[in-house]
Structure formats: structure tokens, C-alpha cells
Amino acid sequence: MAYNKENVFGRLSVNHPLVEELASGKHPWWNRLVNLSHDDRDINIQVRGSYLNVYCKMGNLLKIYLQGNKVACKVHYKYLVDAQTPYIDVYPSGYDLEVNQKSCNLLSSILDRKCFKIVKQNIATYVGEEKRIQSRLIEKNKDTILDVEIAFSDSEVLVDSGDGNTRIDIANFDKNRNCLVFIELKQIFDARLYSKEINEQIQKYNVFANKHENHLIMAYNDVIQVKKKLGIIKPAAYLWDIVISKIEHRPILAIAGYKQSIIEGMRPKILEREKDKLDTTKLAALYFFGNYVDLNLKSAINKKVFL
């Protein structure tokens, strides 16, 4: 997430030169990416403050931006490695082990069918379990997802003991409450769920939503318009006619428990322990789930809404 000079949350507008350029019809590769985002469950495209991100299995495949007046893309080389063999011969010589061949070959294309298959395999190697879970949640809630991996500077929001940045996992437009809702994703064995750290993290969501409410509403209305203009949202899609007018300040905590026996065994340790137990008053809802869950606010088995 990028801040402008007033240090407020913002996203690309429909009049931004990058959006205008990609919507011009002069970039068939872009149209192909958009079609992939519709047809391939692993691909999603998100709008940032001055660029676009293309995610594959929630690995950050592409950053699309303007370099001067030209559209450019950044991709990490590790996704482009074409490893034809897992082993390379090296030859001892003096005090060294000499490598007589290139350590790796790089793919010559990204969207070529064969190359893209290798790219996806490489991404699958590097993304962790939480990213895989996040990718499935986004796939299953694609109709209402507005944004993922929302980063903001703690110097503008709250002081943090980590690397100076905080990240919100998912922003969703809730069908039942007609508002923007943030989701924090955790695995059930994450140690942070069993300490005061989870309450501190949830409090950051509350502060962020309260502090930037008006800018968040404007930014995500811009996101909808940009996605419509670029074809990421189709005319028949649920979000096509949506106008955001409010935000739920409290987030949903979604906990991946894998199977019901694990959920039943671990839930009391999260909710009923004496010290630093989860403060549900700061949450819009608490969801436990197996493979995926409908993120819209509605109580059900393993889903508790606190509003």
C-alpha cells in the first residue's frame, strides 16, 4: 500500500495513466492476464496506489507499473528458473569447486503455456501453507474480494515491534452487511493465537479502519471502478453495481483448523484460557474452517458473528 503526500490511504483511479494505457486495447498480453484471472483459480489481480499486482497462488508474480510512459513489469527471477536437472556437475580444482555450466536457465516467456506451467510450479515451491490457504479463500470468495495483502506503514498507523510494516490479509465487501470488512487469516497452530499478540494485531485493524475510514471508502470505490475499466470485474459480477458507503471497523478473524477434530480440540485454548485469551469484543466475527469458508458475515457451524 502506498501513501501519498498527505499520508492517506489511496488506490489508482480510473484516470491514472497506467489504467488508461492498459484499457486502451494496445496490450494483448494484458487482456490475456485478465482472462487468466477469470479462468485460472490461482490468479488474482489487485490494485495498488501507483501500480497493479498479479498474484499466482498468492505469490507476487508481477508488479505492473509505468516506467516513464512505458508499461513495465517486475517478476522475481526465482519464478523464472527453468531447472532441467536438479543437479549440476562441479569439478574440484585447487582450493575451489569449479562450476563449468550456468547455474540455471531462465524461461524466455511467462505466458507461454509450457513456461507458465513451470512458473506456477516454481511459485508453489516457495509459497507457504498460509499463502495456499489464502489463495483458496480468495478463489472461493472471488465475487466479493476487493483486495489482498494490504500493507501499510506503522509510522502512519501504529508502532510495531516488527519490520515497520503491517499487512492486512483480505478486504471483502460483505453481502449481508453491505460494507467493507477486513479479514485476518491465521493457522490454528500459529503461536500468536495463544498469546497477547493476537489482540494487539486485531487492535491495529480497529485503529486503521477508524483512522482512514473516509479514505478507505474512496480508495475501494476507486478499486471497483478501475477493475471494471480493466475488465477484471465483468458486467455480470456482483461487485459491478456496488458503491461502498461504510466500513466495519472490527475485522473477521478466520482460523484454518483443517478438520473438525482439530478445531474442537484447539478452540478452548484460544477462547477459554485464563491468560491473554482472545478478546472477541474487538472482532466482527470469528470463523474456524477446514479448506475454505464463506467470508460474508453470517453465523453458522464454526462461525460466530459478534455484531
C-alpha atoms as a PDB file:
ATOM      1  CA  MET A   1       0.000   0.000   0.000  1.00  0.00           C
ATOM      2  CA  ALA A   2       1.303   3.396  -0.911  1.00  0.00           C
ATOM      3  CA  TYR A   3       0.750   6.677   0.914  1.00  0.00           C
ATOM      4  CA  ASN A   4       0.543   9.978  -0.905  1.00  0.00           C
ATOM      5  CA  LYS A   5       1.988  13.254   0.301  1.00  0.00           C
ATOM      6  CA  GLU A   6      -0.818  13.684   2.840  1.00  0.00           C
ATOM      7  CA  ASN A   7      -0.058  10.215   4.251  1.00  0.00           C
ATOM      8  CA  VAL A   8      -3.502   8.858   3.457  1.00  0.00           C
ATOM      9  CA  PHE A   9      -4.572   5.522   2.063  1.00  0.00           C
ATOM     10  CA  GLY A  10      -5.214   5.588  -1.686  1.00  0.00           C
ATOM     11  CA  ARG A  11      -5.551   3.460  -4.779  1.00  0.00           C
ATOM     12  CA  LEU A  12      -5.263   4.042  -8.543  1.00  0.00           C
ATOM     13  CA  SER A  13      -8.128   5.988 -10.094  1.00  0.00           C
ATOM     14  CA  VAL A  14      -9.727   5.293 -13.470  1.00  0.00           C
ATOM     15  CA  ASN A  15      -7.948   8.347 -14.889  1.00  0.00           C
ATOM     16  CA  HIS A  16      -4.465   7.249 -13.903  1.00  0.00           C
ATOM     17  CA  PRO A  17      -2.134   6.966 -16.961  1.00  0.00           C
ATOM     18  CA  LEU A  18      -1.408   3.295 -16.210  1.00  0.00           C
ATOM     19  CA  VAL A  19      -5.105   2.431 -16.165  1.00  0.00           C
ATOM     20  CA  GLU A  20      -5.742   4.465 -19.311  1.00  0.00           C
ATOM     21  CA  GLU A  21      -2.864   2.757 -21.108  1.00  0.00           C
ATOM     22  CA  LEU A  22      -3.882  -0.801 -20.164  1.00  0.00           C
ATOM     23  CA  ALA A  23      -7.521  -0.084 -21.058  1.00  0.00           C
ATOM     24  CA  SER A  24      -6.529   1.255 -24.494  1.00  0.00           C
ATOM     25  CA  GLY A  25      -6.578  -2.162 -26.150  1.00  0.00           C
ATOM     26  CA  LYS A  26      -2.936  -1.827 -27.241  1.00  0.00           C
ATOM     27  CA  HIS A  27      -1.684  -4.568 -24.899  1.00  0.00           C
ATOM     28  CA  PRO A  28      -2.911  -8.082 -25.824  1.00  0.00           C
ATOM     29  CA  TRP A  29      -0.710  -9.588 -23.097  1.00  0.00           C
ATOM     30  CA  TRP A  30      -2.720  -7.616 -20.511  1.00  0.00           C
ATOM     31  CA  ASN A  31      -6.006  -8.911 -21.900  1.00  0.00           C
ATOM     32  CA  ARG A  32      -4.570 -12.413 -21.644  1.00  0.00           C
ATOM     33  CA  LEU A  33      -3.697 -11.860 -17.976  1.00  0.00           C
ATOM     34  CA  VAL A  34      -7.206 -10.580 -17.277  1.00  0.00           C
ATOM     35  CA  ASN A  35      -8.700 -13.652 -18.947  1.00  0.00           C
ATOM     36  CA  LEU A  36      -6.399 -15.827 -16.844  1.00  0.00           C
ATOM     37  CA  SER A  37      -7.716 -14.128 -13.717  1.00  0.00           C
ATOM     38  CA  HIS A  38     -11.223 -15.209 -14.748  1.00  0.00           C
ATOM     39  CA  ASP A  39     -10.387 -18.750 -15.827  1.00  0.00           C
ATOM     40  CA  ASP A  40      -7.489 -19.799 -13.583  1.00  0.00           C
ATOM     41  CA  ARG A  41      -8.424 -20.179  -9.912  1.00  0.00           C
ATOM     42  CA  ASP A  42      -4.836 -19.419  -8.832  1.00  0.00           C
ATOM     43  CA  ILE A  43      -4.662 -15.944 -10.444  1.00  0.00           C
ATOM     44  CA  ASN A  44      -5.955 -12.679  -8.998  1.00  0.00           C
ATOM     45  CA  ILE A  45      -5.169  -9.055  -9.876  1.00  0.00           C
ATOM     46  CA  GLN A  46      -5.112  -6.294  -7.260  1.00  0.00           C
ATOM     47  CA  VAL A  47      -4.950  -2.503  -7.461  1.00  0.00           C
ATOM     48  CA  ARG A  48      -2.275  -0.544  -5.567  1.00  0.00           C
ATOM     49  CA  GLY A  49      -1.506   3.131  -5.082  1.00  0.00           C
ATOM     50  CA  SER A  50       0.532   3.515  -8.265  1.00  0.00           C
ATOM     51  CA  TYR A  51       0.709   0.037  -9.803  1.00  0.00           C
ATOM     52  CA  LEU A  52      -1.016  -3.345 -10.140  1.00  0.00           C
ATOM     53  CA  ASN A  53      -0.080  -6.695  -8.605  1.00  0.00           C
ATOM     54  CA  VAL A  54      -0.770 -10.044 -10.270  1.00  0.00           C
ATOM     55  CA  TYR A  55      -0.796 -12.903  -7.763  1.00  0.00           C
ATOM     56  CA  CYS A  56      -0.463 -16.583  -8.570  1.00  0.00           C
ATOM     57  CA  LYS A  57      -1.212 -18.924  -5.663  1.00  0.00           C
ATOM     58  CA  MET A  58      -0.732 -15.706  -3.635  1.00  0.00           C
ATOM     59  CA  GLY A  59       2.876 -15.488  -4.743  1.00  0.00           C
ATOM     60  CA  ASN A  60       3.513 -11.977  -6.118  1.00  0.00           C
ATOM     61  CA  LEU A  61       4.032 -12.916  -9.749  1.00  0.00           C
ATOM     62  CA  LEU A  62       4.032  -9.458 -11.373  1.00  0.00           C
ATOM     63  CA  LYS A  63       4.206  -5.806 -10.450  1.00  0.00           C
ATOM     64  CA  ILE A  64       2.839  -3.778 -13.374  1.00  0.00           C
ATOM     65  CA  TYR A  65       3.759  -0.098 -13.434  1.00  0.00           C
ATOM     66  CA  LEU A  66       4.726   2.827 -15.642  1.00  0.00           C
ATOM     67  CA  GLN A  67       8.402   3.395 -16.352  1.00  0.00           C
ATOM     68  CA  GLY A  68       8.252   6.836 -17.852  1.00  0.00           C
ATOM     69  CA  ASN A  69       5.498   6.494 -20.437  1.00  0.00           C
ATOM     70  CA  LYS A  70       6.059   2.778 -20.961  1.00  0.00           C
ATOM     71  CA  VAL A  71       4.298  -0.093 -19.215  1.00  0.00           C
ATOM     72  CA  ALA A  72       6.805  -2.309 -17.409  1.00  0.00           C
ATOM     73  CA  CYS A  73       6.616  -5.425 -15.246  1.00  0.00           C
ATOM     74  CA  LYS A  74       8.777  -6.781 -12.462  1.00  0.00           C
ATOM     75  CA  VAL A  75       8.994 -10.511 -11.714  1.00  0.00           C
ATOM     76  CA  HIS A  76      11.295 -12.294  -9.284  1.00  0.00           C
ATOM     77  CA  TYR A  77      13.905 -14.394 -11.052  1.00  0.00           C
ATOM     78  CA  LYS A  78      13.222 -17.414  -8.800  1.00  0.00           C
ATOM     79  CA  TYR A  79       9.857 -17.840 -10.526  1.00  0.00           C
ATOM     80  CA  LEU A  80      11.576 -17.962 -13.926  1.00  0.00           C
ATOM     81  CA  VAL A  81      14.143 -20.662 -13.224  1.00  0.00           C
ATOM     82  CA  ASP A  82      13.849 -23.499 -15.721  1.00  0.00           C
ATOM     83  CA  ALA A  83      15.541 -26.292 -13.810  1.00  0.00           C
ATOM     84  CA  GLN A  84      16.010 -29.014 -16.392  1.00  0.00           C
ATOM     85  CA  THR A  85      18.016 -31.081 -13.941  1.00  0.00           C
ATOM     86  CA  PRO A  86      18.204 -30.794 -10.131  1.00  0.00           C
ATOM     87  CA  TYR A  87      21.942 -31.449 -10.070  1.00  0.00           C
ATOM     88  CA  ILE A  88      24.912 -29.677 -11.635  1.00  0.00           C
ATOM     89  CA  ASP A  89      28.377 -31.164 -12.044  1.00  0.00           C
ATOM     90  CA  VAL A  90      31.200 -29.296 -10.293  1.00  0.00           C
ATOM     91  CA  TYR A  91      34.905 -30.055 -10.627  1.00  0.00           C
ATOM     92  CA  PRO A  92      37.415 -29.761  -7.769  1.00  0.00           C
ATOM     93  CA  SER A  93      40.403 -27.625  -8.661  1.00  0.00           C
ATOM     94  CA  GLY A  94      42.973 -26.396  -6.140  1.00  0.00           C
ATOM     95  CA  TYR A  95      41.083 -24.646  -3.335  1.00  0.00           C
ATOM     96  CA  ASP A  96      37.892 -24.282  -5.340  1.00  0.00           C
ATOM     97  CA  LEU A  97      34.952 -26.248  -6.745  1.00  0.00           C
ATOM     98  CA  GLU A  98      34.604 -25.008 -10.290  1.00  0.00           C
ATOM     99  CA  VAL A  99      31.192 -24.726 -11.947  1.00  0.00           C
ATOM    100  CA  ASN A 100      31.568 -25.123 -15.703  1.00  0.00           C
ATOM    101  CA  GLN A 101      27.965 -24.508 -16.674  1.00  0.00           C
ATOM    102  CA  LYS A 102      25.310 -21.931 -15.956  1.00  0.00           C
ATOM    103  CA  SER A 103      23.793 -22.436 -12.532  1.00  0.00           C
ATOM    104  CA  CYS A 104      20.314 -22.089 -14.012  1.00  0.00           C
ATOM    105  CA  ASN A 105      18.431 -21.305 -17.186  1.00  0.00           C
ATOM    106  CA  LEU A 106      15.729 -18.635 -17.182  1.00  0.00           C
ATOM    107  CA  LEU A 107      12.467 -19.031 -19.036  1.00  0.00           C
ATOM    108  CA  SER A 108      12.191 -16.972 -22.201  1.00  0.00           C
ATOM    109  CA  SER A 109       8.490 -16.323 -21.667  1.00  0.00           C
ATOM    110  CA  ILE A 110       5.942 -16.069 -18.843  1.00  0.00           C
ATOM    111  CA  LEU A 111       2.564 -16.524 -20.530  1.00  0.00           C
ATOM    112  CA  ASP A 112       3.550 -19.259 -22.974  1.00  0.00           C
ATOM    113  CA  ARG A 113       1.518 -22.309 -21.911  1.00  0.00           C
ATOM    114  CA  LYS A 114       4.527 -24.536 -21.166  1.00  0.00           C
ATOM    115  CA  CYS A 115       6.503 -21.747 -19.485  1.00  0.00           C
ATOM    116  CA  PHE A 116       3.528 -20.626 -17.386  1.00  0.00           C
ATOM    117  CA  LYS A 117       3.160 -24.159 -16.066  1.00  0.00           C
ATOM    118  CA  ILE A 118       6.781 -24.029 -14.872  1.00  0.00           C
ATOM    119  CA  VAL A 119       6.227 -20.570 -13.347  1.00  0.00           C
ATOM    120  CA  LYS A 120       3.272 -21.919 -11.354  1.00  0.00           C
ATOM    121  CA  GLN A 121       5.307 -24.916 -10.211  1.00  0.00           C
ATOM    122  CA  ASN A 122       8.092 -22.602  -9.045  1.00  0.00           C
ATOM    123  CA  ILE A 123       5.652 -20.395  -7.150  1.00  0.00           C
ATOM    124  CA  ALA A 124       4.113 -23.447  -5.473  1.00  0.00           C
ATOM    125  CA  THR A 125       7.596 -24.368  -4.237  1.00  0.00           C
ATOM    126  CA  TYR A 126       8.104 -21.026  -2.492  1.00  0.00           C
ATOM    127  CA  VAL A 127       4.699 -20.098  -1.082  1.00  0.00           C
ATOM    128  CA  GLY A 128       3.946 -21.344   2.416  1.00  0.00           C
ATOM    129  CA  GLU A 129       0.878 -23.077   3.806  1.00  0.00           C
ATOM    130  CA  GLU A 130      -0.804 -19.819   4.853  1.00  0.00           C
ATOM    131  CA  LYS A 131      -0.499 -18.456   1.307  1.00  0.00           C
ATOM    132  CA  ARG A 132      -2.075 -21.640  -0.067  1.00  0.00           C
ATOM    133  CA  ILE A 133      -4.981 -21.268   2.351  1.00  0.00           C
ATOM    134  CA  GLN A 134      -5.330 -17.583   1.479  1.00  0.00           C
ATOM    135  CA  SER A 135      -5.367 -18.438  -2.222  1.00  0.00           C
ATOM    136  CA  ARG A 136      -8.270 -20.881  -1.724  1.00  0.00           C
ATOM    137  CA  LEU A 137     -10.209 -18.335   0.348  1.00  0.00           C
ATOM    138  CA  ILE A 138      -9.826 -15.753  -2.408  1.00  0.00           C
ATOM    139  CA  GLU A 139     -10.850 -18.247  -5.067  1.00  0.00           C
ATOM    140  CA  LYS A 140     -13.996 -19.253  -3.183  1.00  0.00           C
ATOM    141  CA  ASN A 141     -14.941 -15.642  -2.351  1.00  0.00           C
ATOM    142  CA  LYS A 142     -13.913 -14.108  -5.660  1.00  0.00           C
ATOM    143  CA  ASP A 143     -17.300 -12.414  -6.196  1.00  0.00           C
ATOM    144  CA  THR A 144     -16.773 -10.059  -3.251  1.00  0.00           C
ATOM    145  CA  ILE A 145     -12.994  -9.809  -2.699  1.00  0.00           C
ATOM    146  CA  LEU A 146     -11.749  -6.227  -3.088  1.00  0.00           C
ATOM    147  CA  ASP A 147      -8.090  -6.525  -2.115  1.00  0.00           C
ATOM    148  CA  VAL A 148      -5.439  -8.788  -0.608  1.00  0.00           C
ATOM    149  CA  GLU A 149      -2.083  -8.293   1.090  1.00  0.00           C
ATOM    150  CA  ILE A 150      -2.848  -4.712   2.118  1.00  0.00           C
ATOM    151  CA  ALA A 151       0.371  -3.249   3.503  1.00  0.00           C
ATOM    152  CA  PHE A 152       0.620  -0.038   5.471  1.00  0.00           C
ATOM    153  CA  SER A 153       3.377   1.785   7.312  1.00  0.00           C
ATOM    154  CA  ASP A 154       3.222   1.570  11.086  1.00  0.00           C
ATOM    155  CA  SER A 155       4.768   5.012  11.292  1.00  0.00           C
ATOM    156  CA  GLU A 156       1.459   6.274   9.901  1.00  0.00           C
ATOM    157  CA  VAL A 157      -0.824   3.961  11.897  1.00  0.00           C
ATOM    158  CA  LEU A 158       0.672   2.254  14.941  1.00  0.00           C
ATOM    159  CA  VAL A 159       4.101   1.472  16.290  1.00  0.00           C
ATOM    160  CA  ASP A 160       5.050  -2.150  15.737  1.00  0.00           C
ATOM    161  CA  SER A 161       7.913  -4.234  17.018  1.00  0.00           C
ATOM    162  CA  GLY A 162       8.394  -6.000  13.717  1.00  0.00           C
ATOM    163  CA  ASP A 163       9.840  -4.781  10.446  1.00  0.00           C
ATOM    164  CA  GLY A 164       7.996  -1.468  10.450  1.00  0.00           C
ATOM    165  CA  ASN A 165       5.112  -2.636   8.273  1.00  0.00           C
ATOM    166  CA  THR A 166       1.798  -4.324   8.924  1.00  0.00           C
ATOM    167  CA  ARG A 167      -0.246  -6.306   6.446  1.00  0.00           C
ATOM    168  CA  ILE A 168      -3.979  -6.986   6.248  1.00  0.00           C
ATOM    169  CA  ASP A 169      -4.720 -10.309   4.589  1.00  0.00           C
ATOM    170  CA  ILE A 170      -8.042  -9.681   2.810  1.00  0.00           C
ATOM    171  CA  ALA A 171     -10.552  -6.883   2.207  1.00  0.00           C
ATOM    172  CA  ASN A 172     -14.052  -8.115   1.373  1.00  0.00           C
ATOM    173  CA  PHE A 173     -17.331  -6.422   0.501  1.00  0.00           C
ATOM    174  CA  ASP A 174     -19.802  -8.135   2.793  1.00  0.00           C
ATOM    175  CA  LYS A 175     -23.030  -9.111   1.015  1.00  0.00           C
ATOM    176  CA  ASN A 176     -25.029  -9.379   4.226  1.00  0.00           C
ATOM    177  CA  ARG A 177     -23.926  -6.110   5.868  1.00  0.00           C
ATOM    178  CA  ASN A 178     -23.249  -4.112   2.681  1.00  0.00           C
ATOM    179  CA  CYS A 179     -19.924  -2.813   3.943  1.00  0.00           C
ATOM    180  CA  LEU A 180     -16.174  -3.227   3.639  1.00  0.00           C
ATOM    181  CA  VAL A 181     -14.770  -5.791   6.095  1.00  0.00           C
ATOM    182  CA  PHE A 182     -11.144  -6.770   6.711  1.00  0.00           C
ATOM    183  CA  ILE A 183     -10.124 -10.380   7.377  1.00  0.00           C
ATOM    184  CA  GLU A 184      -7.144 -11.597   9.353  1.00  0.00           C
ATOM    185  CA  LEU A 185      -6.125 -15.155   8.457  1.00  0.00           C
ATOM    186  CA  LYS A 186      -4.353 -17.471  10.868  1.00  0.00           C
ATOM    187  CA  GLN A 187      -3.483 -21.168  11.014  1.00  0.00           C
ATOM    188  CA  ILE A 188      -4.790 -22.837  14.138  1.00  0.00           C
ATOM    189  CA  PHE A 189      -1.302 -23.806  15.324  1.00  0.00           C
ATOM    190  CA  ASP A 190       0.069 -20.262  14.960  1.00  0.00           C
ATOM    191  CA  ALA A 191       1.631 -19.403  18.328  1.00  0.00           C
ATOM    192  CA  ARG A 192       0.331 -15.830  18.099  1.00  0.00           C
ATOM    193  CA  LEU A 193      -3.217 -17.097  18.624  1.00  0.00           C
ATOM    194  CA  TYR A 194      -2.242 -18.251  22.102  1.00  0.00           C
ATOM    195  CA  SER A 195      -0.642 -15.019  23.335  1.00  0.00           C
ATOM    196  CA  LYS A 196      -1.492 -11.345  23.716  1.00  0.00           C
ATOM    197  CA  GLU A 197      -0.040 -10.737  20.251  1.00  0.00           C
ATOM    198  CA  ILE A 198      -3.308 -11.667  18.538  1.00  0.00           C
ATOM    199  CA  ASN A 199      -5.218  -8.998  20.494  1.00  0.00           C
ATOM    200  CA  GLU A 200      -2.565  -6.404  19.642  1.00  0.00           C
ATOM    201  CA  GLN A 201      -2.813  -7.308  15.969  1.00  0.00           C
ATOM    202  CA  ILE A 202      -6.618  -7.098  15.965  1.00  0.00           C
ATOM    203  CA  GLN A 203      -6.417  -3.702  17.666  1.00  0.00           C
ATOM    204  CA  LYS A 204      -4.328  -2.445  14.728  1.00  0.00           C
ATOM    205  CA  TYR A 205      -7.167  -3.320  12.370  1.00  0.00           C
ATOM    206  CA  ASN A 206      -9.565  -1.289  14.508  1.00  0.00           C
ATOM    207  CA  VAL A 207      -7.237   1.725  14.604  1.00  0.00           C
ATOM    208  CA  PHE A 208      -6.503   1.540  10.880  1.00  0.00           C
ATOM    209  CA  ALA A 209     -10.191   1.328   9.898  1.00  0.00           C
ATOM    210  CA  ASN A 210     -11.159   4.188  12.232  1.00  0.00           C
ATOM    211  CA  LYS A 211      -8.283   6.462  11.259  1.00  0.00           C
ATOM    212  CA  HIS A 212      -8.638   6.046   7.499  1.00  0.00           C
ATOM    213  CA  GLU A 213     -12.360   5.337   7.118  1.00  0.00           C
ATOM    214  CA  ASN A 214     -13.151   8.080   4.591  1.00  0.00           C
ATOM    215  CA  HIS A 215     -10.040   7.411   2.520  1.00  0.00           C
ATOM    216  CA  LEU A 216     -10.702   3.661   2.591  1.00  0.00           C
ATOM    217  CA  ILE A 217     -14.214   4.178   1.249  1.00  0.00           C
ATOM    218  CA  MET A 218     -12.912   6.415  -1.565  1.00  0.00           C
ATOM    219  CA  ALA A 219      -9.998   4.092  -2.321  1.00  0.00           C
ATOM    220  CA  TYR A 220     -12.082   0.950  -2.643  1.00  0.00           C
ATOM    221  CA  ASN A 221     -14.749   2.650  -4.719  1.00  0.00           C
ATOM    222  CA  ASP A 222     -11.824   3.593  -6.990  1.00  0.00           C
ATOM    223  CA  VAL A 223     -10.707  -0.050  -6.960  1.00  0.00           C
ATOM    224  CA  ILE A 224     -14.118  -1.188  -8.175  1.00  0.00           C
ATOM    225  CA  GLN A 225     -14.121   1.372 -10.986  1.00  0.00           C
ATOM    226  CA  VAL A 226     -10.558   0.508 -12.045  1.00  0.00           C
ATOM    227  CA  LYS A 227     -11.285  -3.212 -12.053  1.00  0.00           C
ATOM    228  CA  LYS A 228     -14.390  -2.606 -14.143  1.00  0.00           C
ATOM    229  CA  LYS A 229     -12.489  -0.451 -16.643  1.00  0.00           C
ATOM    230  CA  LEU A 230      -9.711  -3.031 -16.967  1.00  0.00           C
ATOM    231  CA  GLY A 231     -12.096  -5.980 -17.315  1.00  0.00           C
ATOM    232  CA  ILE A 232     -11.073  -7.592 -14.027  1.00  0.00           C
ATOM    233  CA  ILE A 233     -14.696  -7.266 -12.880  1.00  0.00           C
ATOM    234  CA  LYS A 234     -17.208  -8.391 -15.510  1.00  0.00           C
ATOM    235  CA  PRO A 235     -20.590  -6.666 -16.070  1.00  0.00           C
ATOM    236  CA  ALA A 236     -22.461  -9.649 -14.591  1.00  0.00           C
ATOM    237  CA  ALA A 237     -20.295  -9.776 -11.464  1.00  0.00           C
ATOM    238  CA  TYR A 238     -21.707  -8.987  -8.012  1.00  0.00           C
ATOM    239  CA  LEU A 239     -19.346  -6.031  -7.477  1.00  0.00           C
ATOM    240  CA  TRP A 240     -20.266  -4.338 -10.773  1.00  0.00           C
ATOM    241  CA  ASP A 241     -23.027  -2.154  -9.307  1.00  0.00           C
ATOM    242  CA  ILE A 242     -21.667  -1.868  -5.762  1.00  0.00           C
ATOM    243  CA  VAL A 243     -20.920   1.516  -4.198  1.00  0.00           C
ATOM    244  CA  ILE A 244     -19.230   1.316  -0.793  1.00  0.00           C
ATOM    245  CA  SER A 245     -20.646   3.681   1.821  1.00  0.00           C
ATOM    246  CA  LYS A 246     -19.465   2.207   5.128  1.00  0.00           C
ATOM    247  CA  ILE A 247     -16.777   0.112   6.807  1.00  0.00           C
ATOM    248  CA  GLU A 248     -16.986  -2.352   9.652  1.00  0.00           C
ATOM    249  CA  HIS A 249     -14.145  -1.238  11.931  1.00  0.00           C
ATOM    250  CA  ARG A 250     -13.803  -4.640  13.552  1.00  0.00           C
ATOM    251  CA  PRO A 251     -12.224  -7.418  11.469  1.00  0.00           C
ATOM    252  CA  ILE A 252     -13.109 -11.051  10.985  1.00  0.00           C
ATOM    253  CA  LEU A 253     -10.560 -13.487  12.413  1.00  0.00           C
ATOM    254  CA  ALA A 254     -10.569 -16.569  10.165  1.00  0.00           C
ATOM    255  CA  ILE A 255      -8.689 -19.561  11.593  1.00  0.00           C
ATOM    256  CA  ALA A 256      -7.762 -22.513   9.386  1.00  0.00           C
ATOM    257  CA  GLY A 257      -8.301 -25.618  11.502  1.00  0.00           C
ATOM    258  CA  TYR A 258      -8.065 -28.234   8.725  1.00  0.00           C
ATOM    259  CA  LYS A 259     -10.556 -30.705  10.239  1.00  0.00           C
ATOM    260  CA  GLN A 260     -13.297 -30.612  12.860  1.00  0.00           C
ATOM    261  CA  SER A 261     -11.478 -32.703  15.465  1.00  0.00           C
ATOM    262  CA  ILE A 262      -8.576 -30.218  15.468  1.00  0.00           C
ATOM    263  CA  ILE A 263     -10.965 -27.260  15.689  1.00  0.00           C
ATOM    264  CA  GLU A 264     -12.800 -28.812  18.644  1.00  0.00           C
ATOM    265  CA  GLY A 265      -9.528 -29.603  20.405  1.00  0.00           C
ATOM    266  CA  MET A 266      -7.881 -26.199  19.936  1.00  0.00           C
ATOM    267  CA  ARG A 267     -10.830 -23.796  20.201  1.00  0.00           C
ATOM    268  CA  PRO A 268     -10.936 -23.823  24.047  1.00  0.00           C
ATOM    269  CA  LYS A 269      -7.219 -22.997  24.181  1.00  0.00           C
ATOM    270  CA  ILE A 270      -7.910 -19.872  22.157  1.00  0.00           C
ATOM    271  CA  LEU A 271     -11.163 -18.766  23.780  1.00  0.00           C
ATOM    272  CA  GLU A 272     -11.144 -20.133  27.325  1.00  0.00           C
ATOM    273  CA  ARG A 273      -7.613 -19.864  28.629  1.00  0.00           C
ATOM    274  CA  GLU A 274      -7.170 -17.658  31.692  1.00  0.00           C
ATOM    275  CA  LYS A 275      -4.288 -15.507  30.463  1.00  0.00           C
ATOM    276  CA  ASP A 276      -4.303 -13.364  27.283  1.00  0.00           C
ATOM    277  CA  LYS A 277      -7.361 -15.066  25.828  1.00  0.00           C
ATOM    278  CA  LEU A 278      -8.804 -13.776  22.580  1.00  0.00           C
ATOM    279  CA  ASP A 279     -10.781 -10.545  23.067  1.00  0.00           C
ATOM    280  CA  THR A 280     -13.821 -11.150  20.858  1.00  0.00           C
ATOM    281  CA  THR A 281     -15.246  -7.687  21.624  1.00  0.00           C
ATOM    282  CA  LYS A 282     -12.749  -6.319  19.093  1.00  0.00           C
ATOM    283  CA  LEU A 283     -13.925  -8.725  16.378  1.00  0.00           C
ATOM    284  CA  ALA A 284     -16.802  -8.590  13.906  1.00  0.00           C
ATOM    285  CA  ALA A 285     -16.710 -12.383  13.729  1.00  0.00           C
ATOM    286  CA  LEU A 286     -14.636 -15.463  14.490  1.00  0.00           C
ATOM    287  CA  TYR A 287     -14.551 -18.224  11.895  1.00  0.00           C
ATOM    288  CA  PHE A 288     -12.969 -21.651  12.200  1.00  0.00           C
ATOM    289  CA  PHE A 289     -12.812 -23.571   8.933  1.00  0.00           C
ATOM    290  CA  GLY A 290     -11.339 -26.541   7.116  1.00  0.00           C
ATOM    291  CA  ASN A 291     -10.411 -25.908   3.476  1.00  0.00           C
ATOM    292  CA  TYR A 292     -12.301 -22.643   2.923  1.00  0.00           C
ATOM    293  CA  VAL A 293     -15.149 -20.538   4.311  1.00  0.00           C
ATOM    294  CA  ASP A 294     -17.714 -18.049   3.008  1.00  0.00           C
ATOM    295  CA  LEU A 295     -16.334 -14.766   4.352  1.00  0.00           C
ATOM    296  CA  ASN A 296     -19.678 -12.939   4.435  1.00  0.00           C
ATOM    297  CA  LEU A 297     -20.932 -12.164   7.938  1.00  0.00           C
ATOM    298  CA  LYS A 298     -23.373 -14.875   8.947  1.00  0.00           C
ATOM    299  CA  SER A 299     -23.388 -17.218  11.940  1.00  0.00           C
ATOM    300  CA  ALA A 300     -23.164 -20.939  11.199  1.00  0.00           C
ATOM    301  CA  ILE A 301     -21.314 -24.020  12.420  1.00  0.00           C
ATOM    302  CA  ASN A 302     -17.833 -22.815  13.454  1.00  0.00           C
ATOM    303  CA  LYS A 303     -18.841 -19.217  12.561  1.00  0.00           C
ATOM    304  CA  LYS A 304     -19.701 -16.734  15.310  1.00  0.00           C
ATOM    305  CA  VAL A 305     -20.756 -13.157  14.483  1.00  0.00           C
ATOM    306  CA  PHE A 306     -20.429 -10.605  17.307  1.00  0.00           C
ATOM    307  CA  LEU A 307     -22.236  -7.628  15.751  1.00  0.00           C
END
